[in-house]
Amino acid sequence: MIESIGKVSTPRATELLPRLCRHFAKKVSSTWNDHRGDVEFPWGRCTVEASDSELSFRCRASDEAALAQVRNVLDLHVGLFSRKDPLRIEWC
């Protein structure tokens, strides 16, 4: 497994985490509480954590192509859920 870490600075982190996980749960396995979510995509997994000022993403997949798919889905959805004040994940 390989992994990638991403972060978004936002005071709305605890609001966005359940919205994202609830949305993903319509198509893939997703569990969450107020500060942590786990999402099982067909290509890999992602753990999302929320603090008062940041969303963090720890994504894991079997290879680079699969990891890129997980990251692309997250990038797209974070952008969609923050249209009024666009957010972008900074990947390490």
N, C-alpha and C. Protein backbone atom coordinates (compact mmCIF):
# COMPACT_ATOMS: atom_id res chain seq x y z
N MET A 1 0.84 -1.19 0.00
CA MET A 1 0.00 0.00 0.00
C MET A 1 0.88 1.25 0.00
N ILE A 2 0.44 2.22 -0.76
CA ILE A 2 1.08 3.53 -0.73
C ILE A 2 0.08 4.51 -0.19
N GLU A 3 0.54 5.66 0.26
CA GLU A 3 -0.39 6.61 0.86
C GLU A 3 -0.04 8.04 0.49
N SER A 4 -1.04 8.88 0.64
CA SER A 4 -0.89 10.31 0.40
C SER A 4 -1.66 11.05 1.48
N ILE A 5 -1.09 12.15 1.92
CA ILE A 5 -1.70 12.97 2.97
C ILE A 5 -2.08 14.32 2.36
N GLY A 6 -3.27 14.79 2.68
CA GLY A 6 -3.71 16.09 2.20
C GLY A 6 -4.38 16.87 3.32
N LYS A 7 -4.37 18.19 3.16
CA LYS A 7 -4.98 19.06 4.18
C LYS A 7 -5.70 20.23 3.52
N VAL A 8 -6.76 20.67 4.20
CA VAL A 8 -7.50 21.87 3.80
C VAL A 8 -7.70 22.71 5.05
N SER A 9 -7.26 23.93 5.01
CA SER A 9 -7.50 24.84 6.13
C SER A 9 -8.87 25.47 5.94
N THR A 10 -9.75 25.25 6.91
CA THR A 10 -11.09 25.83 6.87
C THR A 10 -11.74 25.78 8.25
N PRO A 11 -12.40 26.85 8.64
CA PRO A 11 -13.13 26.82 9.91
C PRO A 11 -14.41 25.98 9.81
N ARG A 12 -14.74 25.50 8.60
CA ARG A 12 -15.95 24.69 8.38
C ARG A 12 -15.66 23.20 8.34
N ALA A 13 -14.50 22.77 8.80
CA ALA A 13 -14.09 21.37 8.70
C ALA A 13 -15.11 20.42 9.33
N THR A 14 -15.59 20.73 10.53
CA THR A 14 -16.52 19.83 11.20
C THR A 14 -17.89 19.81 10.53
N GLU A 15 -18.18 20.80 9.72
CA GLU A 15 -19.42 20.82 8.93
C GLU A 15 -19.24 20.01 7.64
N LEU A 16 -18.08 20.14 7.01
CA LEU A 16 -17.84 19.47 5.73
C LEU A 16 -17.63 17.97 5.86
N LEU A 17 -16.99 17.51 6.92
CA LEU A 17 -16.70 16.09 7.07
C LEU A 17 -17.96 15.23 6.97
N PRO A 18 -19.02 15.47 7.76
CA PRO A 18 -20.20 14.61 7.64
C PRO A 18 -20.91 14.77 6.30
N ARG A 19 -20.88 15.97 5.72
CA ARG A 19 -21.51 16.16 4.41
C ARG A 19 -20.82 15.32 3.34
N LEU A 20 -19.49 15.34 3.34
CA LEU A 20 -18.74 14.54 2.37
C LEU A 20 -19.01 13.04 2.58
N CYS A 21 -18.88 12.58 3.81
CA CYS A 21 -19.05 11.16 4.09
C CYS A 21 -20.47 10.68 3.80
N ARG A 22 -21.45 11.49 4.13
CA ARG A 22 -22.85 11.15 3.86
C ARG A 22 -23.06 11.02 2.34
N HIS A 23 -22.46 11.93 1.60
CA HIS A 23 -22.57 11.90 0.14
C HIS A 23 -21.92 10.62 -0.41
N PHE A 24 -20.71 10.31 0.04
CA PHE A 24 -20.02 9.11 -0.44
C PHE A 24 -20.78 7.85 -0.07
N ALA A 25 -21.47 7.86 1.07
CA ALA A 25 -22.19 6.68 1.54
C ALA A 25 -23.32 6.27 0.59
N LYS A 26 -23.72 7.15 -0.30
CA LYS A 26 -24.75 6.80 -1.29
C LYS A 26 -24.24 5.76 -2.28
N LYS A 27 -22.90 5.69 -2.46
CA LYS A 27 -22.33 4.78 -3.47
C LYS A 27 -21.28 3.82 -2.92
N VAL A 28 -20.60 4.18 -1.84
CA VAL A 28 -19.54 3.32 -1.29
C VAL A 28 -19.68 3.25 0.23
N SER A 29 -18.98 2.32 0.82
CA SER A 29 -19.01 2.19 2.28
C SER A 29 -18.35 3.42 2.93
N SER A 30 -19.08 4.02 3.85
CA SER A 30 -18.59 5.22 4.51
C SER A 30 -19.16 5.29 5.92
N THR A 31 -18.28 5.47 6.90
CA THR A 31 -18.71 5.65 8.28
C THR A 31 -18.08 6.93 8.80
N TRP A 32 -18.75 7.59 9.76
CA TRP A 32 -18.22 8.84 10.28
C TRP A 32 -18.87 9.20 11.60
N ASN A 33 -18.17 10.10 12.29
CA ASN A 33 -18.73 10.76 13.47
C ASN A 33 -18.38 12.24 13.30
N ASP A 34 -18.43 13.01 14.36
CA ASP A 34 -18.21 14.46 14.23
C ASP A 34 -16.79 14.83 13.83
N HIS A 35 -15.81 13.97 14.09
CA HIS A 35 -14.42 14.35 13.85
C HIS A 35 -13.61 13.38 12.99
N ARG A 36 -14.22 12.27 12.57
CA ARG A 36 -13.48 11.31 11.75
C ARG A 36 -14.44 10.56 10.83
N GLY A 37 -13.96 10.33 9.62
CA GLY A 37 -14.72 9.53 8.66
C GLY A 37 -13.80 8.56 7.94
N ASP A 38 -14.34 7.41 7.58
CA ASP A 38 -13.60 6.41 6.81
C ASP A 38 -14.42 6.05 5.58
N VAL A 39 -13.77 6.15 4.41
CA VAL A 39 -14.46 5.90 3.14
C VAL A 39 -13.70 4.83 2.38
N GLU A 40 -14.43 3.82 1.90
CA GLU A 40 -13.87 2.71 1.12
C GLU A 40 -14.26 2.91 -0.35
N PHE A 41 -13.34 3.43 -1.15
CA PHE A 41 -13.58 3.57 -2.58
C PHE A 41 -13.19 2.26 -3.26
N PRO A 42 -13.64 2.03 -4.50
CA PRO A 42 -13.22 0.82 -5.22
C PRO A 42 -11.70 0.75 -5.42
N TRP A 43 -11.02 1.89 -5.41
CA TRP A 43 -9.58 1.94 -5.71
C TRP A 43 -8.72 2.03 -4.45
N GLY A 44 -9.30 2.40 -3.32
CA GLY A 44 -8.52 2.57 -2.09
C GLY A 44 -9.37 3.11 -0.96
N ARG A 45 -8.71 3.50 0.12
CA ARG A 45 -9.40 3.99 1.33
C ARG A 45 -8.96 5.39 1.65
N CYS A 46 -9.81 6.10 2.38
CA CYS A 46 -9.42 7.41 2.87
C CYS A 46 -10.00 7.62 4.26
N THR A 47 -9.16 8.11 5.15
CA THR A 47 -9.60 8.53 6.47
C THR A 47 -9.57 10.05 6.48
N VAL A 48 -10.69 10.64 6.87
CA VAL A 48 -10.83 12.10 6.92
C VAL A 48 -10.98 12.49 8.38
N GLU A 49 -10.22 13.48 8.81
CA GLU A 49 -10.33 13.97 10.19
C GLU A 49 -10.56 15.47 10.16
N ALA A 50 -11.40 15.94 11.08
CA ALA A 50 -11.73 17.35 11.17
C ALA A 50 -11.33 17.92 12.52
N SER A 51 -10.70 19.07 12.48
CA SER A 51 -10.42 19.84 13.70
C SER A 51 -11.18 21.16 13.56
N ASP A 52 -10.97 22.06 14.47
CA ASP A 52 -11.65 23.36 14.39
C ASP A 52 -11.22 24.17 13.17
N SER A 53 -10.05 23.87 12.63
CA SER A 53 -9.53 24.71 11.55
C SER A 53 -9.01 23.95 10.33
N GLU A 54 -9.20 22.60 10.31
CA GLU A 54 -8.58 21.85 9.22
C GLU A 54 -9.26 20.51 8.97
N LEU A 55 -9.36 20.16 7.69
CA LEU A 55 -9.73 18.81 7.29
C LEU A 55 -8.44 18.13 6.84
N SER A 56 -8.19 16.93 7.31
CA SER A 56 -7.01 16.20 6.85
C SER A 56 -7.46 14.88 6.23
N PHE A 57 -6.72 14.45 5.22
CA PHE A 57 -7.05 13.26 4.45
C PHE A 57 -5.84 12.34 4.44
N ARG A 58 -6.04 11.09 4.81
CA ARG A 58 -4.98 10.07 4.71
C ARG A 58 -5.53 8.99 3.79
N CYS A 59 -5.00 8.96 2.57
CA CYS A 59 -5.50 8.05 1.54
C CYS A 59 -4.49 6.94 1.28
N ARG A 60 -5.00 5.73 1.08
CA ARG A 60 -4.16 4.57 0.82
C ARG A 60 -4.72 3.79 -0.36
N ALA A 61 -3.81 3.29 -1.20
CA ALA A 61 -4.21 2.47 -2.35
C ALA A 61 -3.06 1.53 -2.70
N SER A 62 -3.34 0.59 -3.58
CA SER A 62 -2.33 -0.42 -3.93
C SER A 62 -1.27 0.10 -4.89
N ASP A 63 -1.59 1.12 -5.70
CA ASP A 63 -0.61 1.64 -6.64
C ASP A 63 -0.89 3.12 -6.93
N GLU A 64 0.01 3.75 -7.68
CA GLU A 64 -0.10 5.18 -7.97
C GLU A 64 -1.38 5.54 -8.72
N ALA A 65 -1.77 4.71 -9.69
CA ALA A 65 -2.97 5.00 -10.47
C ALA A 65 -4.22 4.97 -9.59
N ALA A 66 -4.31 3.99 -8.73
CA ALA A 66 -5.46 3.88 -7.83
C ALA A 66 -5.47 5.04 -6.84
N LEU A 67 -4.31 5.40 -6.33
CA LEU A 67 -4.22 6.53 -5.39
C LEU A 67 -4.63 7.83 -6.08
N ALA A 68 -4.24 7.99 -7.33
CA ALA A 68 -4.63 9.19 -8.09
C ALA A 68 -6.14 9.26 -8.24
N GLN A 69 -6.82 8.12 -8.43
CA GLN A 69 -8.28 8.12 -8.54
C GLN A 69 -8.93 8.55 -7.23
N VAL A 70 -8.43 8.04 -6.12
CA VAL A 70 -8.97 8.44 -4.82
C VAL A 70 -8.80 9.94 -4.63
N ARG A 71 -7.60 10.44 -4.89
CA ARG A 71 -7.34 11.87 -4.74
C ARG A 71 -8.22 12.71 -5.66
N ASN A 72 -8.40 12.26 -6.90
CA ASN A 72 -9.24 13.02 -7.84
C ASN A 72 -10.68 13.12 -7.37
N VAL A 73 -11.22 12.02 -6.86
CA VAL A 73 -12.60 12.05 -6.34
C VAL A 73 -12.71 13.03 -5.18
N LEU A 74 -11.74 12.99 -4.28
CA LEU A 74 -11.76 13.90 -3.13
C LEU A 74 -11.61 15.35 -3.58
N ASP A 75 -10.68 15.62 -4.50
CA ASP A 75 -10.50 16.99 -5.01
C ASP A 75 -11.80 17.52 -5.61
N LEU A 76 -12.44 16.70 -6.43
CA LEU A 76 -13.68 17.10 -7.07
C LEU A 76 -14.76 17.41 -6.05
N HIS A 77 -14.95 16.53 -5.09
CA HIS A 77 -16.05 16.70 -4.13
C HIS A 77 -15.80 17.82 -3.12
N VAL A 78 -14.58 17.98 -2.68
CA VAL A 78 -14.29 19.11 -1.79
C VAL A 78 -14.57 20.42 -2.53
N GLY A 79 -14.20 20.48 -3.80
CA GLY A 79 -14.50 21.66 -4.61
C GLY A 79 -16.00 21.90 -4.76
N LEU A 80 -16.75 20.83 -5.02
CA LEU A 80 -18.20 20.96 -5.18
C LEU A 80 -18.90 21.39 -3.89
N PHE A 81 -18.45 20.85 -2.77
CA PHE A 81 -19.10 21.16 -1.50
C PHE A 81 -18.68 22.51 -0.93
N SER A 82 -17.75 23.18 -1.58
CA SER A 82 -17.31 24.49 -1.09
C SER A 82 -17.39 25.54 -2.21
N ARG A 83 -18.35 25.41 -3.08
CA ARG A 83 -18.46 26.30 -4.25
C ARG A 83 -18.46 27.78 -3.90
N LYS A 84 -19.18 28.16 -2.87
CA LYS A 84 -19.28 29.58 -2.52
C LYS A 84 -17.95 30.15 -2.05
N ASP A 85 -17.18 29.35 -1.36
CA ASP A 85 -15.86 29.74 -0.87
C ASP A 85 -14.92 28.57 -1.19
N PRO A 86 -14.48 28.46 -2.46
CA PRO A 86 -13.77 27.26 -2.93
C PRO A 86 -12.56 26.87 -2.08
N LEU A 87 -12.51 25.57 -1.78
CA LEU A 87 -11.40 25.00 -1.02
C LEU A 87 -10.64 24.05 -1.93
N ARG A 88 -9.36 23.90 -1.65
CA ARG A 88 -8.52 23.01 -2.44
C ARG A 88 -7.64 22.20 -1.48
N ILE A 89 -7.59 20.90 -1.71
CA ILE A 89 -6.75 20.04 -0.88
C ILE A 89 -5.30 20.23 -1.29
N GLU A 90 -4.46 20.44 -0.31
CA GLU A 90 -3.01 20.53 -0.54
C GLU A 90 -2.43 19.16 -0.22
N TRP A 91 -1.98 18.44 -1.25
CA TRP A 91 -1.44 17.09 -1.08
C TRP A 91 0.05 17.13 -0.81
N CYS A 92 0.51 16.31 0.10
CA CYS A 92 1.93 16.21 0.44
C CYS A 92 2.57 15.09 -0.34
